[in-house]
Amino acid sequence: MTTETARTSARPMRADARRNYERLLAEARTAFTAHGTDASLEDVARRAGVGIGTLYRHFPNRTALMCAVFQGEVDGLLARSRELLAAPEPCRALVDWLRAVIAHASTYRGLARALMAAQSDEASALARCSLPMREAGGTLLARAQRAGAVRADVSVTDLLQLTNAIALAVEQTPEDPELADRLLTLTLRGIRPERCPDRADSAG
């Protein structure tokens, strides 16, 4: 839960504060898309028509703002993970979800790198924001392992680090649209017994 979520769950936000909050989120999403997650927060505040102090009252640091900006997409990934629990082939379900995670992490320049760093810093706000993702991925992974489709020694933390690394590679190589599937295929060859599909694209 983000700081802002905790605060708003405790007491309703005033109408003017809510408008400021929504404008800041909209401008931050635009800035992160255009310039990456290192975009100037001062520019975000200015474009939202507020001072930098107002931004920090809503979002105490850059990571809190990132968590709020990405929350809708994370909610979509969590919903997709729940849908895939009913899929008949556990390995294919896991691959489909990993592909969606890669697409999300490579949407904003710098996000994949930040997610990789957060995996090694459990105290960071981004790591706490990512906890539901690890839980969702862990459930899909455990299902694939019970089906004998993935080795028992594979951890969800390592798997998400690999997907973030793939997203970072995709971010750095935009001219190669097939790179994500090729790297995901290599990852699958390392984690699966023979029964899991040999190519990422065969799982979609």
Protein backbone atom coordinates (compact mmCIF):
# COMPACT_ATOMS: atom_id res chain seq x y z
CA MET A 1 0.00 0.00 0.00
CA THR A 2 1.36 3.38 -0.91
CA THR A 3 1.61 6.28 1.54
CA GLU A 4 -1.14 8.09 -0.35
CA THR A 5 -3.39 5.03 -0.34
CA ALA A 6 -2.94 4.63 3.41
CA ARG A 7 -3.71 8.29 3.99
CA THR A 8 -6.80 8.38 1.81
CA SER A 9 -8.14 5.17 3.33
CA ALA A 10 -7.92 6.86 6.75
CA ARG A 11 -9.78 10.06 5.77
CA PRO A 12 -11.38 11.41 2.59
CA MET A 13 -9.33 13.84 0.51
CA ARG A 14 -10.68 17.36 0.04
CA ALA A 15 -11.98 18.09 -3.46
CA ASP A 16 -9.12 20.48 -4.27
CA ALA A 17 -6.54 18.05 -2.93
CA ARG A 18 -8.09 15.25 -4.99
CA ARG A 19 -7.90 17.39 -8.13
CA ASN A 20 -4.24 18.14 -7.44
CA TYR A 21 -3.58 14.45 -6.83
CA GLU A 22 -5.21 13.40 -10.10
CA ARG A 23 -3.43 16.12 -12.11
CA LEU A 24 -0.08 15.10 -10.62
CA LEU A 25 -0.72 11.46 -11.52
CA ALA A 26 -1.71 12.37 -15.08
CA GLU A 27 1.32 14.58 -15.62
CA ALA A 28 3.66 12.05 -14.03
CA ARG A 29 2.36 9.30 -16.30
CA THR A 30 2.92 11.53 -19.33
CA ALA A 31 6.41 12.50 -18.15
CA PHE A 32 7.45 8.94 -17.33
CA THR A 33 6.24 7.74 -20.74
CA ALA A 34 8.05 10.50 -22.62
CA HIS A 35 11.22 10.85 -20.54
CA GLY A 36 11.47 7.75 -18.34
CA THR A 37 11.15 7.36 -14.59
CA ASP A 38 13.98 9.88 -14.02
CA ALA A 39 11.81 12.69 -15.40
CA SER A 40 11.99 15.96 -13.46
CA LEU A 41 9.49 16.06 -10.59
CA GLU A 42 9.67 19.85 -10.65
CA ASP A 43 8.41 19.75 -14.24
CA VAL A 44 5.65 17.33 -13.24
CA ALA A 45 4.50 19.69 -10.50
CA ARG A 46 4.70 22.73 -12.79
CA ARG A 47 2.67 21.06 -15.53
CA ALA A 48 0.09 20.00 -12.94
CA GLY A 49 -0.21 23.63 -11.86
CA VAL A 50 1.05 23.09 -8.30
CA GLY A 51 4.24 23.66 -6.36
CA ILE A 52 6.80 20.96 -5.67
CA GLY A 53 5.76 21.02 -2.00
CA THR A 54 2.26 19.92 -3.00
CA LEU A 55 3.70 17.05 -4.99
CA TYR A 56 5.73 15.88 -2.00
CA ARG A 57 2.73 16.17 0.32
CA HIS A 58 0.94 13.63 -1.86
CA PHE A 59 4.01 11.56 -2.78
CA PRO A 60 6.90 11.77 -0.28
CA ASN A 61 9.44 10.52 -2.82
CA ARG A 62 9.83 9.52 -6.48
CA THR A 63 9.20 5.87 -5.71
CA ALA A 64 5.83 6.62 -4.09
CA LEU A 65 4.83 8.55 -7.21
CA MET A 66 5.99 5.69 -9.43
CA CYS A 67 3.92 3.19 -7.42
CA ALA A 68 0.81 5.36 -7.77
CA VAL A 69 1.35 5.88 -11.52
CA PHE A 70 1.78 2.18 -12.18
CA GLN A 71 -0.99 0.96 -9.86
CA GLY A 72 -3.61 0.60 -12.58
CA GLU A 73 -1.32 -1.51 -14.73
CA VAL A 74 -0.27 -3.61 -11.75
CA ASP A 75 -3.94 -4.19 -10.91
CA GLY A 76 -4.42 -5.40 -14.48
CA LEU A 77 -1.51 -7.83 -14.17
CA LEU A 78 -2.90 -9.15 -10.89
CA ALA A 79 -6.32 -9.65 -12.48
CA ARG A 80 -4.68 -11.45 -15.41
CA SER A 81 -2.81 -13.76 -13.01
CA ARG A 82 -6.10 -14.74 -11.39
CA GLU A 83 -7.66 -15.49 -14.77
CA LEU A 84 -4.68 -17.64 -15.74
CA LEU A 85 -5.10 -19.83 -12.66
CA ALA A 86 -8.00 -21.44 -14.52
CA ALA A 87 -5.96 -22.05 -17.70
CA PRO A 88 -5.63 -25.75 -18.53
CA GLU A 89 -1.84 -25.64 -19.11
CA PRO A 90 0.03 -24.27 -16.07
CA CYS A 91 3.31 -23.68 -17.92
CA ARG A 92 1.62 -21.78 -20.73
CA ALA A 93 -0.27 -19.71 -18.15
CA LEU A 94 3.00 -18.79 -16.44
CA VAL A 95 4.60 -17.84 -19.76
CA ASP A 96 1.63 -15.69 -20.76
CA TRP A 97 1.84 -13.81 -17.48
CA LEU A 98 5.61 -13.33 -17.71
CA ARG A 99 5.19 -11.90 -21.19
CA ALA A 100 2.67 -9.39 -19.80
CA VAL A 101 5.07 -8.47 -16.98
CA ILE A 102 7.85 -7.83 -19.51
CA ALA A 103 5.54 -5.61 -21.57
CA HIS A 104 4.67 -3.59 -18.46
CA ALA A 105 8.25 -3.23 -17.23
CA SER A 106 9.50 -2.09 -20.63
CA THR A 107 6.79 0.55 -21.09
CA TYR A 108 8.62 3.24 -19.10
CA ARG A 109 12.34 3.82 -19.53
CA GLY A 110 14.04 3.14 -16.21
CA LEU A 111 11.23 1.08 -14.68
CA ALA A 112 12.88 -2.30 -15.31
CA ARG A 113 16.12 -1.09 -13.71
CA ALA A 114 14.22 0.27 -10.70
CA LEU A 115 12.31 -3.00 -10.28
CA MET A 116 15.56 -4.99 -10.42
CA ALA A 117 17.08 -2.79 -7.71
CA ALA A 118 13.95 -3.10 -5.57
CA GLN A 119 14.25 -6.90 -5.54
CA SER A 120 17.47 -6.60 -3.51
CA ASP A 121 16.09 -3.90 -1.17
CA GLU A 122 13.04 -5.27 0.63
CA ALA A 123 12.69 -2.02 2.60
CA SER A 124 12.18 0.12 -0.51
CA ALA A 125 8.73 1.47 -1.34
CA LEU A 126 8.88 -0.07 -4.81
CA ALA A 127 9.62 -3.49 -3.33
CA ARG A 128 6.55 -3.17 -1.10
CA CYS A 129 4.48 -2.08 -4.09
CA SER A 130 5.77 -5.10 -6.01
CA LEU A 131 4.88 -7.60 -3.27
CA PRO A 132 1.43 -8.45 -4.73
CA MET A 133 3.17 -9.13 -8.05
CA ARG A 134 5.58 -11.56 -6.42
CA GLU A 135 2.69 -13.28 -4.68
CA ALA A 136 0.72 -13.55 -7.93
CA GLY A 137 3.72 -14.85 -9.85
CA GLY A 138 4.54 -17.26 -7.04
CA THR A 139 1.07 -18.77 -7.25
CA LEU A 140 1.36 -19.33 -11.01
CA LEU A 141 4.88 -20.68 -10.61
CA ALA A 142 3.84 -23.10 -7.85
CA ARG A 143 1.02 -24.39 -10.05
CA ALA A 144 3.44 -25.01 -12.91
CA GLN A 145 5.86 -26.74 -10.54
CA ARG A 146 3.14 -29.02 -9.16
CA ALA A 147 2.32 -29.97 -12.76
CA GLY A 148 5.96 -30.92 -13.30
CA ALA A 149 6.38 -28.18 -15.93
CA VAL A 150 8.98 -26.11 -14.04
CA ARG A 151 11.89 -27.26 -11.88
CA ALA A 152 11.19 -27.25 -8.15
CA ASP A 153 14.27 -25.14 -7.35
CA VAL A 154 13.11 -22.10 -9.35
CA SER A 155 12.04 -19.15 -7.17
CA VAL A 156 9.63 -16.40 -8.13
CA THR A 157 12.18 -13.77 -7.08
CA ASP A 158 14.74 -15.11 -9.54
CA LEU A 159 12.10 -15.45 -12.24
CA LEU A 160 10.96 -11.84 -11.85
CA GLN A 161 14.57 -10.66 -11.88
CA LEU A 162 15.02 -12.45 -15.19
CA THR A 163 11.86 -10.91 -16.64
CA ASN A 164 12.99 -7.44 -15.50
CA ALA A 165 16.37 -8.07 -17.13
CA ILE A 166 14.60 -9.01 -20.36
CA ALA A 167 12.50 -5.84 -20.13
CA LEU A 168 15.68 -3.80 -19.66
CA ALA A 169 17.22 -5.44 -22.73
CA VAL A 170 14.06 -4.68 -24.74
CA GLU A 171 14.17 -1.08 -23.57
CA GLN A 172 17.75 -0.77 -24.76
CA THR A 173 17.05 -2.46 -28.12
CA PRO A 174 13.77 -1.03 -29.45
CA GLU A 175 14.67 -1.91 -33.03
CA ASP A 176 14.38 -5.65 -32.30
CA PRO A 177 10.70 -6.49 -31.65
CA GLU A 178 11.43 -10.23 -31.36
CA LEU A 179 14.04 -9.87 -28.61
CA ALA A 180 11.65 -10.36 -25.68
CA ASP A 181 10.35 -13.70 -26.96
CA ARG A 182 13.84 -14.95 -27.81
CA LEU A 183 15.15 -14.14 -24.33
CA LEU A 184 12.03 -15.53 -22.69
CA THR A 185 12.55 -18.75 -24.65
CA LEU A 186 16.10 -19.01 -23.31
CA THR A 187 14.81 -18.45 -19.79
CA LEU A 188 12.22 -21.22 -20.19
CA ARG A 189 14.85 -23.65 -21.38
CA GLY A 190 16.68 -23.06 -18.13
CA ILE A 191 13.72 -23.56 -15.79
CA ARG A 192 11.66 -26.32 -17.37
CA PRO A 193 11.59 -30.06 -17.75
CA GLU A 194 10.89 -31.30 -21.26
CA ARG A 195 7.11 -30.99 -21.05
CA CYS A 196 7.06 -27.17 -20.98
CA PRO A 197 6.77 -25.51 -24.45
CA ASP A 198 10.19 -24.94 -26.02
CA ARG A 199 9.35 -21.50 -27.43
CA ALA A 200 7.69 -18.55 -25.69
CA ASP A 201 5.51 -17.86 -28.72
CA SER A 202 4.14 -21.41 -28.65
CA ALA A 203 2.64 -20.57 -25.26
CA GLY A 204 0.49 -17.73 -26.54
